[in-house]
Amino acid sequence: MERRSPVMSKPLKLFYSPDSANLVVRFVLEELELAYEDVLLDRSSREHMKPEYRALNPQGLIPVLVDAEQDAPMFETGAIILHLADRAGRLAPAPNSPSRGSLLKWLFYISNTLHADLRVAFYVHRYVEGEKDADTLRKSVLRRVQSHFALLDAELAKGGGKYLIAETFTVADFYLAACARWAQLYPTGYEQDLSQHRHLVAFLKALQERASVRHSAERESIKGNVLLHPKMPETDLAAVLG
């Protein structure tokens, strides 16, 4: 299945695993109605660590986007979605726009701070040994995650609660929304309650009604609410966090 676009003549190829960071990229691809091909990776069999995939991303991390018009495969979620927005001329202020700086600072904050802390909570045993230390680290990191959401909630409030960058809908909104989804789901037993962040809650409720979010959920077999009060996907957890 491909979605066609007048912007890019050559299709894109998205290497993905259900409900992984590729979900952010998919939101953007669907919103921009770009033609793209899916390549499913089986994380439970560690397909993402095989030489063929590591030739695309030496770290073995997901996602990778192959753009036939670029000289190399792209990885790093923030870089991919900013590239797509700039190519399409939508979902990001132009480089010379006064609001470009706001987009960059919040996009990199979400990528380098919020998402990075979520990854520590998800993959805690990569950092410490033993359940007691893992529990201590997870709780500490998730307190930080809540502080990140509080900061982002306050920023949403400044713009009336609609979008992160005032009245401009950008790729940063999709990245924030995906992180909020994952925080409510993973890891099991440490799911985060976001109800105290009322502007964020309203933002997620509105965003999950967008056609691009619904289409993305369908393509990743995500059922029910996508962003606010989501349900655990019907998949092996190893395929998401493995």
Protein backbone atom coordinates (compact mmCIF):
# COMPACT_ATOMS: atom_id res chain seq x y z
CA MET A 1 0.00 0.00 0.00
CA GLU A 2 1.38 3.41 -0.98
CA ARG A 3 0.08 6.94 -0.49
CA ARG A 4 0.85 9.25 -3.38
CA SER A 5 2.12 12.79 -3.18
CA PRO A 6 2.71 15.56 -5.71
CA VAL A 7 5.76 16.64 -3.70
CA MET A 8 8.09 13.65 -4.01
CA SER A 9 8.22 11.74 -7.28
CA LYS A 10 10.29 8.85 -5.89
CA PRO A 11 8.83 6.58 -3.20
CA LEU A 12 10.36 6.26 0.23
CA LYS A 13 11.09 3.07 2.14
CA LEU A 14 10.43 2.87 5.90
CA PHE A 15 12.05 0.08 7.91
CA TYR A 16 9.89 -0.43 10.97
CA SER A 17 8.77 -2.53 13.91
CA PRO A 18 5.24 -2.03 15.30
CA ASP A 19 4.88 0.79 17.83
CA SER A 20 8.56 1.68 17.77
CA ALA A 21 10.07 5.08 16.97
CA ASN A 22 9.01 4.58 13.36
CA LEU A 23 5.50 5.50 14.52
CA VAL A 24 6.60 9.15 14.64
CA VAL A 25 7.94 8.95 11.09
CA ARG A 26 4.76 7.25 9.92
CA PHE A 27 2.60 10.01 11.42
CA VAL A 28 4.55 12.53 9.34
CA LEU A 29 4.51 10.43 6.16
CA GLU A 30 0.76 9.99 6.44
CA GLU A 31 0.10 13.65 7.27
CA LEU A 32 2.12 14.73 4.22
CA GLU A 33 0.49 12.00 2.09
CA LEU A 34 3.85 10.82 0.79
CA ALA A 35 4.28 7.62 -1.19
CA TYR A 36 6.22 5.07 0.85
CA GLU A 37 6.90 1.37 1.17
CA ASP A 38 6.91 -0.58 4.45
CA VAL A 39 9.68 -3.02 5.36
CA LEU A 40 8.77 -4.91 8.54
CA LEU A 41 11.62 -5.96 10.84
CA ASP A 42 11.17 -8.88 13.23
CA ARG A 43 12.76 -7.64 16.46
CA SER A 44 11.99 -10.86 18.31
CA SER A 45 14.45 -12.64 16.00
CA ARG A 46 16.82 -9.63 16.14
CA GLU A 47 16.52 -9.00 12.44
CA HIS A 48 17.51 -5.40 13.14
CA MET A 49 20.96 -6.58 14.27
CA LYS A 50 21.73 -8.57 11.14
CA PRO A 51 24.43 -7.33 8.74
CA GLU A 52 21.92 -6.42 6.03
CA TYR A 53 20.11 -3.96 8.28
CA ARG A 54 23.23 -2.70 10.02
CA ALA A 55 24.52 -1.71 6.60
CA LEU A 56 21.68 0.84 6.70
CA ASN A 57 22.10 1.79 10.36
CA PRO A 58 25.30 0.55 12.04
CA GLN A 59 23.65 0.86 15.47
CA GLY A 60 20.89 -1.55 14.52
CA LEU A 61 18.28 0.92 15.74
CA ILE A 62 14.84 1.48 14.24
CA PRO A 63 13.68 3.29 12.14
CA VAL A 64 15.59 3.78 8.93
CA LEU A 65 14.21 5.78 6.03
CA VAL A 66 15.60 5.19 2.56
CA ASP A 67 15.00 8.19 0.32
CA ALA A 68 16.09 7.53 -3.25
CA GLU A 69 16.96 11.21 -3.61
CA GLN A 70 19.46 11.11 -0.71
CA ASP A 71 23.01 9.78 -0.89
CA ALA A 72 22.62 7.51 2.17
CA PRO A 73 19.92 5.89 4.32
CA MET A 74 18.65 8.11 7.11
CA PHE A 75 18.37 7.25 10.80
CA GLU A 76 17.60 9.27 13.96
CA THR A 77 13.88 9.97 14.23
CA GLY A 78 14.19 13.73 14.65
CA ALA A 79 16.45 14.04 11.62
CA ILE A 80 14.11 11.96 9.45
CA ILE A 81 10.95 13.90 10.26
CA LEU A 82 12.63 17.28 9.87
CA HIS A 83 13.99 16.15 6.50
CA LEU A 84 10.52 15.09 5.37
CA ALA A 85 8.96 18.36 6.51
CA ASP A 86 11.59 20.47 4.77
CA ARG A 87 11.29 18.46 1.57
CA ALA A 88 7.51 18.82 1.54
CA GLY A 89 7.45 22.44 2.68
CA ARG A 90 4.97 21.61 5.44
CA LEU A 91 4.99 20.77 9.17
CA ALA A 92 8.07 22.92 9.87
CA PRO A 93 8.73 26.66 9.70
CA ALA A 94 11.12 27.56 6.89
CA PRO A 95 14.81 27.85 7.84
CA ASN A 96 14.60 31.66 7.70
CA SER A 97 11.34 31.85 9.67
CA PRO A 98 11.36 33.56 13.10
CA SER A 99 9.72 30.45 14.58
CA ARG A 100 12.34 28.03 13.23
CA GLY A 101 14.34 28.30 16.44
CA SER A 102 11.31 27.34 18.52
CA LEU A 103 10.78 24.24 16.42
CA LEU A 104 14.41 23.19 16.65
CA LYS A 105 14.72 23.62 20.40
CA TRP A 106 11.55 21.67 21.19
CA LEU A 107 12.16 19.00 18.57
CA PHE A 108 15.63 18.35 19.97
CA TYR A 109 14.36 18.55 23.54
CA ILE A 110 11.82 15.83 22.80
CA SER A 111 14.40 13.71 20.97
CA ASN A 112 17.43 14.20 23.22
CA THR A 113 15.74 14.56 26.62
CA LEU A 114 12.20 13.16 26.79
CA HIS A 115 12.63 10.25 24.39
CA ALA A 116 16.12 9.52 25.72
CA ASP A 117 14.79 9.18 29.27
CA LEU A 118 11.93 6.98 28.10
CA ARG A 119 14.47 4.70 26.45
CA VAL A 120 16.34 4.33 29.74
CA ALA A 121 13.08 3.31 31.44
CA PHE A 122 12.24 0.86 28.64
CA TYR A 123 15.70 -0.72 28.45
CA VAL A 124 16.78 -0.32 32.07
CA HIS A 125 18.69 -3.62 32.18
CA ARG A 126 21.15 -2.21 29.68
CA TYR A 127 22.25 0.21 32.39
CA VAL A 128 22.06 -1.70 35.68
CA GLU A 129 21.92 -5.29 36.89
CA GLY A 130 19.41 -6.71 39.33
CA GLU A 131 15.74 -5.94 39.82
CA LYS A 132 16.24 -3.68 42.84
CA ASP A 133 18.62 -1.37 40.99
CA ALA A 134 16.42 -1.52 37.90
CA ASP A 135 13.38 -0.47 39.91
CA THR A 136 15.28 2.39 41.55
CA LEU A 137 16.59 3.68 38.23
CA ARG A 138 13.22 3.38 36.50
CA LYS A 139 11.42 5.31 39.23
CA SER A 140 14.07 8.03 39.20
CA VAL A 141 14.01 8.39 35.41
CA LEU A 142 10.21 8.37 35.26
CA ARG A 143 10.07 11.22 37.77
CA ARG A 144 12.21 13.12 35.29
CA VAL A 145 9.84 12.10 32.50
CA GLN A 146 6.92 13.58 34.42
CA SER A 147 8.88 16.82 34.82
CA HIS A 148 9.47 16.86 31.05
CA PHE A 149 5.75 16.48 30.41
CA ALA A 150 5.03 19.27 32.90
CA LEU A 151 7.38 21.59 30.99
CA LEU A 152 5.82 20.66 27.66
CA ASP A 153 2.33 21.07 29.12
CA ALA A 154 3.25 24.61 30.17
CA GLU A 155 4.56 25.34 26.68
CA LEU A 156 1.34 24.06 25.14
CA ALA A 157 -0.59 26.37 27.46
CA LYS A 158 1.32 29.40 26.14
CA GLY A 159 -0.03 28.76 22.66
CA GLY A 160 -3.57 28.09 23.77
CA GLY A 161 -3.04 24.35 24.07
CA LYS A 162 -3.47 23.57 20.39
CA TYR A 163 0.11 23.03 19.23
CA LEU A 164 3.57 23.10 20.76
CA ILE A 165 4.80 25.92 18.49
CA ALA A 166 1.98 28.45 19.05
CA GLU A 167 -0.48 28.23 16.13
CA THR A 168 1.82 26.18 13.91
CA PHE A 169 1.29 22.44 13.54
CA THR A 170 4.72 20.82 13.22
CA VAL A 171 6.57 17.53 13.32
CA ALA A 172 7.37 18.25 16.98
CA ASP A 173 3.68 17.73 17.80
CA PHE A 174 3.78 14.22 16.38
CA TYR A 175 6.98 13.38 18.25
CA LEU A 176 5.54 14.62 21.55
CA ALA A 177 2.34 12.66 20.97
CA ALA A 178 4.17 9.39 20.32
CA CYS A 179 6.29 9.82 23.46
CA ALA A 180 3.13 10.43 25.47
CA ARG A 181 1.64 7.23 24.06
CA TRP A 182 4.66 5.15 25.01
CA ALA A 183 4.88 6.64 28.50
CA GLN A 184 1.31 5.47 29.16
CA LEU A 185 2.09 1.92 28.01
CA TYR A 186 5.68 0.94 28.72
CA PRO A 187 7.25 -0.61 30.66
CA THR A 188 4.51 -2.78 32.15
CA GLY A 189 3.98 -1.90 35.79
CA TYR A 190 5.41 1.60 35.38
CA GLU A 191 2.75 3.14 33.11
CA GLN A 192 2.56 6.90 33.52
CA ASP A 193 -0.61 8.84 34.36
CA LEU A 194 -0.68 12.07 32.35
CA SER A 195 -4.01 13.37 33.65
CA GLN A 196 -2.39 16.18 35.67
CA HIS A 197 -1.10 17.73 32.44
CA ARG A 198 -4.44 19.08 31.25
CA HIS A 199 -3.18 20.94 28.18
CA LEU A 200 -1.27 17.85 27.06
CA VAL A 201 -4.37 15.70 27.58
CA ALA A 202 -6.49 18.01 25.41
CA PHE A 203 -3.73 18.11 22.80
CA LEU A 204 -3.55 14.29 22.63
CA LYS A 205 -7.32 13.94 22.49
CA ALA A 206 -7.53 16.28 19.50
CA LEU A 207 -4.49 14.90 17.70
CA GLN A 208 -5.62 11.29 17.79
CA GLU A 209 -8.66 12.26 15.70
CA ARG A 210 -6.48 13.28 12.75
CA ALA A 211 -6.75 11.01 9.72
CA SER A 212 -2.97 10.64 9.59
CA VAL A 213 -2.90 9.22 13.12
CA ARG A 214 -5.74 6.81 12.39
CA HIS A 215 -4.10 5.63 9.15
CA SER A 216 -0.78 5.15 10.94
CA ALA A 217 -2.46 3.08 13.63
CA GLU A 218 -4.08 0.86 11.01
CA ARG A 219 -0.76 0.23 9.29
CA GLU A 220 0.87 -0.75 12.58
CA SER A 221 -2.12 -2.81 13.79
CA ILE A 222 -2.74 -0.46 16.72
CA LYS A 223 -6.33 -0.66 17.93
CA GLY A 224 -8.42 1.64 20.11
CA ASN A 225 -7.19 5.00 21.33
CA VAL A 226 -3.82 5.79 19.82
CA LEU A 227 -2.56 8.65 21.97
CA LEU A 228 -4.73 9.14 25.05
CA HIS A 229 -5.44 6.14 27.31
CA PRO A 230 -4.04 3.70 24.74
CA LYS A 231 -4.28 -0.05 25.09
CA MET A 232 -1.32 -2.41 24.94
CA PRO A 233 -0.85 -3.62 21.34
CA GLU A 234 -1.66 -7.23 20.60
CA THR A 235 1.95 -8.14 19.92
CA ASP A 236 4.87 -9.79 21.64
CA LEU A 237 6.38 -7.16 23.93
CA ALA A 238 9.82 -8.25 22.74
CA ALA A 239 8.87 -6.98 19.30
CA VAL A 240 8.38 -3.51 20.77
CA LEU A 241 11.06 -3.31 23.44
CA GLY A 242 13.37 -6.16 22.46
